[in-house]
Amino acid sequence: MADNGNHEALDDLIALLRRQISDLTEQATAASGSGSEERLSDLLNEKQDRLNELLKERAAGER
């Protein structure tokens, strides 16, 4: 059961990161041409890297 709880927690984090990436993408589109583009790009990269880590962790747990 603990593994199931961990799997659900990973799924929740993955879903949260996907929403955050989507929101940041919308913000970056709206901010095009402003000085905040670089910061939004950095945030997107950080979120994507974390998402990739969690996806790998989840895949390893499914083996």
Foldseek 3Di string as FASTA:
>chain_A
DVLVVVLVVLVVLLVVLVVVLVVLVVVLVVCPPHPCNVVSVVVNVVSVVVNVVSVVVSVVSVD
